[in-house]
């Protein structure tokens, strides 16, 4: 039997992967750079904590929001 918590964990992992891939594609950076930026962001913390139900939003919207609102994380990247 699959527990609801396990499904939430898998869903968050897929969401994070999608956001990281979108960041890499949009900003033309490596996946490693995108991963570093994502895990330093407030967005990462909000998704992990389930804060505001933000994990239910579309990954493209979340990636764009991170780029727009946390641009300081991209300083010095390529």
PDB file of N, CA and C in Angstrom:
ATOM      1  N   UNK A   1       0.838  -1.177   0.000  1.00  0.00           N
ATOM      2  CA  UNK A   1       0.000   0.000   0.000  1.00  0.00           C
ATOM      3  C   UNK A   1       0.887   1.247   0.000  1.00  0.00           C
ATOM      4  N   UNK A   2       0.586   2.166  -0.895  1.00  0.00           N
ATOM      5  CA  UNK A   2       1.346   3.407  -1.004  1.00  0.00           C
ATOM      6  C   UNK A   2       0.748   4.430  -0.049  1.00  0.00           C
ATOM      7  N   UNK A   3       1.594   5.011   0.744  1.00  0.00           N
ATOM      8  CA  UNK A   3       1.140   6.014   1.690  1.00  0.00           C
ATOM      9  C   UNK A   3       1.075   7.383   1.028  1.00  0.00           C
ATOM     10  N   UNK A   4       0.143   8.203   1.482  1.00  0.00           N
ATOM     11  CA  UNK A   4      -0.021   9.543   0.922  1.00  0.00           C
ATOM     12  C   UNK A   4       1.269  10.358   1.068  1.00  0.00           C
ATOM     13  N   UNK A   5       1.942  10.194   2.194  1.00  0.00           N
ATOM     14  CA  UNK A   5       3.200  10.913   2.417  1.00  0.00           C
ATOM     15  C   UNK A   5       4.228  10.537   1.353  1.00  0.00           C
ATOM     16  N   UNK A   6       4.307   9.255   1.010  1.00  0.00           N
ATOM     17  CA  UNK A   6       5.256   8.807  -0.003  1.00  0.00           C
ATOM     18  C   UNK A   6       4.951   9.438  -1.360  1.00  0.00           C
ATOM     19  N   UNK A   7       3.676   9.544  -1.688  1.00  0.00           N
ATOM     20  CA  UNK A   7       3.285  10.176  -2.950  1.00  0.00           C
ATOM     21  C   UNK A   7       3.663  11.656  -2.961  1.00  0.00           C
ATOM     22  N   UNK A   8       3.491  12.324  -1.841  1.00  0.00           N
ATOM     23  CA  UNK A   8       3.868  13.732  -1.733  1.00  0.00           C
ATOM     24  C   UNK A   8       5.372  13.917  -1.950  1.00  0.00           C
ATOM     25  N   UNK A   9       6.158  13.031  -1.386  1.00  0.00           N
ATOM     26  CA  UNK A   9       7.612  13.104  -1.533  1.00  0.00           C
ATOM     27  C   UNK A   9       8.007  12.935  -2.994  1.00  0.00           C
ATOM     28  N   UNK A  10       7.433  11.945  -3.654  1.00  0.00           N
ATOM     29  CA  UNK A  10       7.739  11.696  -5.069  1.00  0.00           C
ATOM     30  C   UNK A  10       7.294  12.884  -5.922  1.00  0.00           C
ATOM     31  N   UNK A  11       6.101  13.418  -5.644  1.00  0.00           N
ATOM     32  CA  UNK A  11       5.603  14.557  -6.402  1.00  0.00           C
ATOM     33  C   UNK A  11       6.539  15.765  -6.248  1.00  0.00           C
ATOM     34  N   UNK A  12       6.991  16.032  -5.039  1.00  0.00           N
ATOM     35  CA  UNK A  12       7.894  17.162  -4.807  1.00  0.00           C
ATOM     36  C   UNK A  12       9.225  16.951  -5.529  1.00  0.00           C
ATOM     37  N   UNK A  13       9.724  15.719  -5.553  1.00  0.00           N
ATOM     38  CA  UNK A  13      10.972  15.430  -6.253  1.00  0.00           C
ATOM     39  C   UNK A  13      10.823  15.682  -7.750  1.00  0.00           C
ATOM     40  N   UNK A  14       9.712  15.257  -8.312  1.00  0.00           N
ATOM     41  CA  UNK A  14       9.459  15.474  -9.736  1.00  0.00           C
ATOM     42  C   UNK A  14       9.318  16.971 -10.022  1.00  0.00           C
ATOM     43  N   UNK A  15       8.606  17.683  -9.163  1.00  0.00           N
ATOM     44  CA  UNK A  15       8.439  19.126  -9.319  1.00  0.00           C
ATOM     45  C   UNK A  15       9.793  19.826  -9.277  1.00  0.00           C
ATOM     46  N   UNK A  16      10.626  19.479  -8.306  1.00  0.00           N
ATOM     47  CA  UNK A  16      11.944  20.104  -8.196  1.00  0.00           C
ATOM     48  C   UNK A  16      12.800  19.825  -9.430  1.00  0.00           C
ATOM     49  N   UNK A  17      12.763  18.604  -9.907  1.00  0.00           N
ATOM     50  CA  UNK A  17      13.521  18.251 -11.112  1.00  0.00           C
ATOM     51  C   UNK A  17      13.040  19.067 -12.303  1.00  0.00           C
ATOM     52  N   UNK A  18      11.741  19.215 -12.443  1.00  0.00           N
ATOM     53  CA  UNK A  18      11.172  19.990 -13.551  1.00  0.00           C
ATOM     54  C   UNK A  18      11.569  21.461 -13.459  1.00  0.00           C
ATOM     55  N   UNK A  19      11.540  22.021 -12.267  1.00  0.00           N
ATOM     56  CA  UNK A  19      11.931  23.422 -12.076  1.00  0.00           C
ATOM     57  C   UNK A  19      13.404  23.604 -12.436  1.00  0.00           C
ATOM     58  N   UNK A  20      14.257  22.706 -11.970  1.00  0.00           N
ATOM     59  CA  UNK A  20      15.697  22.794 -12.249  1.00  0.00           C
ATOM     60  C   UNK A  20      15.959  22.695 -13.750  1.00  0.00           C
ATOM     61  N   UNK A  21      15.294  21.773 -14.426  1.00  0.00           N
ATOM     62  CA  UNK A  21      15.464  21.631 -15.873  1.00  0.00           C
ATOM     63  C   UNK A  21      14.985  22.887 -16.602  1.00  0.00           C
ATOM     64  N   UNK A  22      13.889  23.466 -16.140  1.00  0.00           N
ATOM     65  CA  UNK A  22      13.370  24.690 -16.756  1.00  0.00           C
ATOM     66  C   UNK A  22      14.326  25.861 -16.540  1.00  0.00           C
ATOM     67  N   UNK A  23      14.894  25.964 -15.347  1.00  0.00           N
ATOM     68  CA  UNK A  23      15.879  27.018 -15.078  1.00  0.00           C
ATOM     69  C   UNK A  23      17.078  26.889 -16.015  1.00  0.00           C
ATOM     70  N   UNK A  24      17.583  25.671 -16.157  1.00  0.00           N
ATOM     71  CA  UNK A  24      18.743  25.433 -17.016  1.00  0.00           C
ATOM     72  C   UNK A  24      18.434  25.818 -18.456  1.00  0.00           C
ATOM     73  N   UNK A  25      17.265  25.439 -18.920  1.00  0.00           N
ATOM     74  CA  UNK A  25      16.862  25.719 -20.294  1.00  0.00           C
ATOM     75  C   UNK A  25      16.654  27.218 -20.500  1.00  0.00           C
ATOM     76  N   UNK A  26      15.929  27.851 -19.607  1.00  0.00           N
ATOM     77  CA  UNK A  26      15.591  29.266 -19.756  1.00  0.00           C
ATOM     78  C   UNK A  26      16.811  30.170 -19.659  1.00  0.00           C
ATOM     79  N   UNK A  27      17.695  29.895 -18.714  1.00  0.00           N
ATOM     80  CA  UNK A  27      18.867  30.740 -18.486  1.00  0.00           C
ATOM     81  C   UNK A  27      20.108  30.252 -19.240  1.00  0.00           C
ATOM     82  N   UNK A  28      19.968  29.151 -19.980  1.00  0.00           N
ATOM     83  CA  UNK A  28      21.075  28.578 -20.754  1.00  0.00           C
ATOM     84  C   UNK A  28      22.297  28.332 -19.861  1.00  0.00           C
ATOM     85  N   UNK A  29      22.047  27.607 -18.777  1.00  0.00           N
ATOM     86  CA  UNK A  29      23.107  27.248 -17.834  1.00  0.00           C
ATOM     87  C   UNK A  29      23.102  25.731 -17.676  1.00  0.00           C
ATOM     88  N   UNK A  30      24.122  25.208 -17.023  1.00  0.00           N
ATOM     89  CA  UNK A  30      24.176  23.755 -16.824  1.00  0.00           C
ATOM     90  C   UNK A  30      23.151  23.330 -15.771  1.00  0.00           C
ATOM     91  N   UNK A  31      22.829  22.071 -15.796  1.00  0.00           N
ATOM     92  CA  UNK A  31      21.906  21.530 -14.795  1.00  0.00           C
ATOM     93  C   UNK A  31      22.472  21.683 -13.392  1.00  0.00           C
ATOM     94  N   UNK A  32      23.773  21.537 -13.264  1.00  0.00           N
ATOM     95  CA  UNK A  32      24.424  21.688 -11.957  1.00  0.00           C
ATOM     96  C   UNK A  32      24.277  23.117 -11.437  1.00  0.00           C
ATOM     97  N   UNK A  33      24.479  24.094 -12.313  1.00  0.00           N
ATOM     98  CA  UNK A  33      24.316  25.490 -11.911  1.00  0.00           C
ATOM     99  C   UNK A  33      22.866  25.764 -11.510  1.00  0.00           C
ATOM    100  N   UNK A  34      21.933  25.237 -12.299  1.00  0.00           N
ATOM    101  CA  UNK A  34      20.515  25.425 -12.005  1.00  0.00           C
ATOM    102  C   UNK A  34      20.147  24.778 -10.673  1.00  0.00           C
ATOM    103  N   UNK A  35      20.721  23.615 -10.403  1.00  0.00           N
ATOM    104  CA  UNK A  35      20.457  22.918  -9.145  1.00  0.00           C
ATOM    105  C   UNK A  35      20.985  23.725  -7.961  1.00  0.00           C
ATOM    106  N   UNK A  36      22.185  24.254  -8.095  1.00  0.00           N
ATOM    107  CA  UNK A  36      22.761  25.074  -7.024  1.00  0.00           C
ATOM    108  C   UNK A  36      21.886  26.292  -6.748  1.00  0.00           C
ATOM    109  N   UNK A  37      21.439  26.948  -7.792  1.00  0.00           N
ATOM    110  CA  UNK A  37      20.586  28.128  -7.646  1.00  0.00           C
ATOM    111  C   UNK A  37      19.268  27.745  -6.994  1.00  0.00           C
ATOM    112  N   UNK A  38      18.653  26.679  -7.481  1.00  0.00           N
ATOM    113  CA  UNK A  38      17.358  26.273  -6.938  1.00  0.00           C
ATOM    114  C   UNK A  38      17.447  25.976  -5.440  1.00  0.00           C
ATOM    115  N   UNK A  39      18.445  25.200  -5.036  1.00  0.00           N
ATOM    116  CA  UNK A  39      18.531  24.800  -3.631  1.00  0.00           C
ATOM    117  C   UNK A  39      18.969  25.934  -2.698  1.00  0.00           C
ATOM    118  N   UNK A  40      19.434  27.061  -3.255  1.00  0.00           N
ATOM    119  CA  UNK A  40      19.736  28.248  -2.454  1.00  0.00           C
ATOM    120  C   UNK A  40      18.528  29.184  -2.359  1.00  0.00           C
ATOM    121  N   UNK A  41      17.479  28.882  -3.101  1.00  0.00           N
ATOM    122  CA  UNK A  41      16.338  29.804  -3.205  1.00  0.00           C
ATOM    123  C   UNK A  41      15.318  29.614  -2.084  1.00  0.00           C
ATOM    124  N   UNK A  42      14.544  30.674  -1.887  1.00  0.00           N
ATOM    125  CA  UNK A  42      13.415  30.602  -0.946  1.00  0.00           C
ATOM    126  C   UNK A  42      12.352  29.643  -1.477  1.00  0.00           C
ATOM    127  N   UNK A  43      12.247  29.556  -2.794  1.00  0.00           N
ATOM    128  CA  UNK A  43      11.270  28.663  -3.416  1.00  0.00           C
ATOM    129  C   UNK A  43      11.497  27.224  -2.969  1.00  0.00           C
ATOM    130  N   UNK A  44      12.737  26.792  -2.944  1.00  0.00           N
ATOM    131  CA  UNK A  44      13.065  25.439  -2.506  1.00  0.00           C
ATOM    132  C   UNK A  44      12.565  25.186  -1.092  1.00  0.00           C
ATOM    133  N   UNK A  45      12.813  26.141  -0.222  1.00  0.00           N
ATOM    134  CA  UNK A  45      12.368  26.014   1.173  1.00  0.00           C
ATOM    135  C   UNK A  45      10.846  25.948   1.260  1.00  0.00           C
ATOM    136  N   UNK A  46      10.176  26.776   0.466  1.00  0.00           N
ATOM    137  CA  UNK A  46       8.711  26.798   0.488  1.00  0.00           C
ATOM    138  C   UNK A  46       8.114  25.493  -0.016  1.00  0.00           C
ATOM    139  N   UNK A  47       8.700  24.932  -1.049  1.00  0.00           N
ATOM    140  CA  UNK A  47       8.195  23.663  -1.585  1.00  0.00           C
ATOM    141  C   UNK A  47       8.423  22.544  -0.579  1.00  0.00           C
ATOM    142  N   UNK A  48       9.603  22.481   0.003  1.00  0.00           N
ATOM    143  CA  UNK A  48       9.889  21.421   0.966  1.00  0.00           C
ATOM    144  C   UNK A  48       8.993  21.489   2.195  1.00  0.00           C
ATOM    145  N   UNK A  49       8.669  22.697   2.627  1.00  0.00           N
ATOM    146  CA  UNK A  49       7.835  22.840   3.824  1.00  0.00           C
ATOM    147  C   UNK A  49       6.344  22.765   3.522  1.00  0.00           C
ATOM    148  N   UNK A  50       6.002  22.826   2.247  1.00  0.00           N
ATOM    149  CA  UNK A  50       4.591  22.821   1.878  1.00  0.00           C
ATOM    150  C   UNK A  50       3.917  24.150   2.169  1.00  0.00           C
ATOM    151  N   UNK A  51       4.736  25.166   2.353  1.00  0.00           N
ATOM    152  CA  UNK A  51       4.261  26.494   2.710  1.00  0.00           C
ATOM    153  C   UNK A  51       3.401  27.097   1.602  1.00  0.00           C
ATOM    154  N   UNK A  52       2.225  27.562   1.961  1.00  0.00           N
ATOM    155  CA  UNK A  52       1.304  28.261   1.059  1.00  0.00           C
ATOM    156  C   UNK A  52       0.732  27.377  -0.050  1.00  0.00           C
ATOM    157  N   UNK A  53       0.963  26.081  -0.025  1.00  0.00           N
ATOM    158  CA  UNK A  53       0.474  25.199  -1.080  1.00  0.00           C
ATOM    159  C   UNK A  53       1.152  25.466  -2.408  1.00  0.00           C
ATOM    160  N   UNK A  54       2.321  26.100  -2.347  1.00  0.00           N
ATOM    161  CA  UNK A  54       3.040  26.511  -3.549  1.00  0.00           C
ATOM    162  C   UNK A  54       3.441  25.318  -4.425  1.00  0.00           C
ATOM    163  N   UNK A  55       3.561  24.156  -3.818  1.00  0.00           N
ATOM    164  CA  UNK A  55       3.967  22.975  -4.576  1.00  0.00           C
ATOM    165  C   UNK A  55       2.900  22.512  -5.562  1.00  0.00           C
ATOM    166  N   UNK A  56       1.715  23.112  -5.491  1.00  0.00           N
ATOM    167  CA  UNK A  56       0.631  22.751  -6.410  1.00  0.00           C
ATOM    168  C   UNK A  56       0.599  23.610  -7.664  1.00  0.00           C
ATOM    169  N   UNK A  57       1.500  24.581  -7.760  1.00  0.00           N
ATOM    170  CA  UNK A  57       1.564  25.440  -8.940  1.00  0.00           C
ATOM    171  C   UNK A  57       2.400  24.795 -10.039  1.00  0.00           C
ATOM    172  N   UNK A  58       2.230  25.270 -11.252  1.00  0.00           N
ATOM    173  CA  UNK A  58       2.939  24.757 -12.416  1.00  0.00           C
ATOM    174  C   UNK A  58       4.443  25.041 -12.315  1.00  0.00           C
ATOM    175  N   UNK A  59       5.255  24.083 -12.690  1.00  0.00           N
ATOM    176  CA  UNK A  59       6.708  24.217 -12.565  1.00  0.00           C
ATOM    177  C   UNK A  59       7.261  25.365 -13.411  1.00  0.00           C
ATOM    178  N   UNK A  60       6.665  25.617 -14.580  1.00  0.00           N
ATOM    179  CA  UNK A  60       7.146  26.716 -15.420  1.00  0.00           C
ATOM    180  C   UNK A  60       6.882  28.060 -14.744  1.00  0.00           C
ATOM    181  N   UNK A  61       5.722  28.182 -14.146  1.00  0.00           N
ATOM    182  CA  UNK A  61       5.398  29.408 -13.412  1.00  0.00           C
ATOM    183  C   UNK A  61       6.374  29.592 -12.253  1.00  0.00           C
ATOM    184  N   UNK A  62       6.638  28.515 -11.518  1.00  0.00           N
ATOM    185  CA  UNK A  62       7.539  28.590 -10.375  1.00  0.00           C
ATOM    186  C   UNK A  62       8.968  28.941 -10.806  1.00  0.00           C
ATOM    187  N   UNK A  63       9.426  28.359 -11.920  1.00  0.00           N
ATOM    188  CA  UNK A  63      10.765  28.675 -12.426  1.00  0.00           C
ATOM    189  C   UNK A  63      10.844  30.146 -12.842  1.00  0.00           C
ATOM    190  N   UNK A  64       9.833  30.628 -13.544  1.00  0.00           N
ATOM    191  CA  UNK A  64       9.808  32.038 -13.949  1.00  0.00           C
ATOM    192  C   UNK A  64       9.777  32.958 -12.737  1.00  0.00           C
ATOM    193  N   UNK A  65       9.009  32.575 -11.735  1.00  0.00           N
ATOM    194  CA  UNK A  65       8.921  33.359 -10.510  1.00  0.00           C
ATOM    195  C   UNK A  65      10.276  33.417  -9.808  1.00  0.00           C
ATOM    196  N   UNK A  66      10.968  32.306  -9.752  1.00  0.00           N
ATOM    197  CA  UNK A  66      12.297  32.275  -9.131  1.00  0.00           C
ATOM    198  C   UNK A  66      13.249  33.196  -9.894  1.00  0.00           C
ATOM    199  N   UNK A  67      13.226  33.131 -11.217  1.00  0.00           N
ATOM    200  CA  UNK A  67      14.105  33.973 -12.038  1.00  0.00           C
ATOM    201  C   UNK A  67      13.802  35.450 -11.799  1.00  0.00           C
ATOM    202  N   UNK A  68      12.534  35.785 -11.733  1.00  0.00           N
ATOM    203  CA  UNK A  68      12.129  37.183 -11.568  1.00  0.00           C
ATOM    204  C   UNK A  68      12.395  37.711 -10.157  1.00  0.00           C
ATOM    205  N   UNK A  69      12.075  36.933  -9.159  1.00  0.00           N
ATOM    206  CA  UNK A  69      12.110  37.430  -7.784  1.00  0.00           C
ATOM    207  C   UNK A  69      13.392  37.123  -7.019  1.00  0.00           C
ATOM    208  N   UNK A  70      14.220  36.254  -7.557  1.00  0.00           N
ATOM    209  CA  UNK A  70      15.469  35.924  -6.862  1.00  0.00           C
ATOM    210  C   UNK A  70      16.646  36.049  -7.827  1.00  0.00           C
ATOM    211  N   UNK A  71      16.630  37.122  -8.598  1.00  0.00           N
ATOM    212  CA  UNK A  71      17.653  37.327  -9.631  1.00  0.00           C
ATOM    213  C   UNK A  71      19.064  37.416  -9.063  1.00  0.00           C
ATOM    214  N   UNK A  72      19.175  37.798  -7.785  1.00  0.00           N
ATOM    215  CA  UNK A  72      20.504  37.886  -7.179  1.00  0.00           C
ATOM    216  C   UNK A  72      21.216  36.526  -7.150  1.00  0.00           C
ATOM    217  N   UNK A  73      20.454  35.438  -7.186  1.00  0.00           N
ATOM    218  CA  UNK A  73      21.060  34.112  -7.193  1.00  0.00           C
ATOM    219  C   UNK A  73      21.782  33.809  -8.514  1.00  0.00           C
ATOM    220  N   UNK A  74      21.428  34.551  -9.564  1.00  0.00           N
ATOM    221  CA  UNK A  74      22.010  34.320 -10.881  1.00  0.00           C
ATOM    222  C   UNK A  74      23.248  35.190 -11.141  1.00  0.00           C
ATOM    223  N   UNK A  75      23.575  36.054 -10.198  1.00  0.00           N
ATOM    224  CA  UNK A  75      24.742  36.922 -10.353  1.00  0.00           C
ATOM    225  C   UNK A  75      26.013  36.069 -10.465  1.00  0.00           C
ATOM    226  N   UNK A  76      26.790  36.348 -11.454  1.00  0.00           N
ATOM    227  CA  UNK A  76      28.045  35.632 -11.637  1.00  0.00           C
ATOM    228  C   UNK A  76      27.918  34.314 -12.375  1.00  0.00           C
ATOM    229  N   UNK A  77      26.701  33.951 -12.798  1.00  0.00           N
ATOM    230  CA  UNK A  77      26.506  32.714 -13.549  1.00  0.00           C
ATOM    231  C   UNK A  77      26.585  33.061 -15.022  1.00  0.00           C
ATOM    232  N   UNK A  78      27.519  32.422 -15.720  1.00  0.00           N
ATOM    233  CA  UNK A  78      27.755  32.625 -17.147  1.00  0.00           C
ATOM    234  C   UNK A  78      27.409  34.024 -17.541  1.00  0.00           C
TER     235      UNK A  78
END
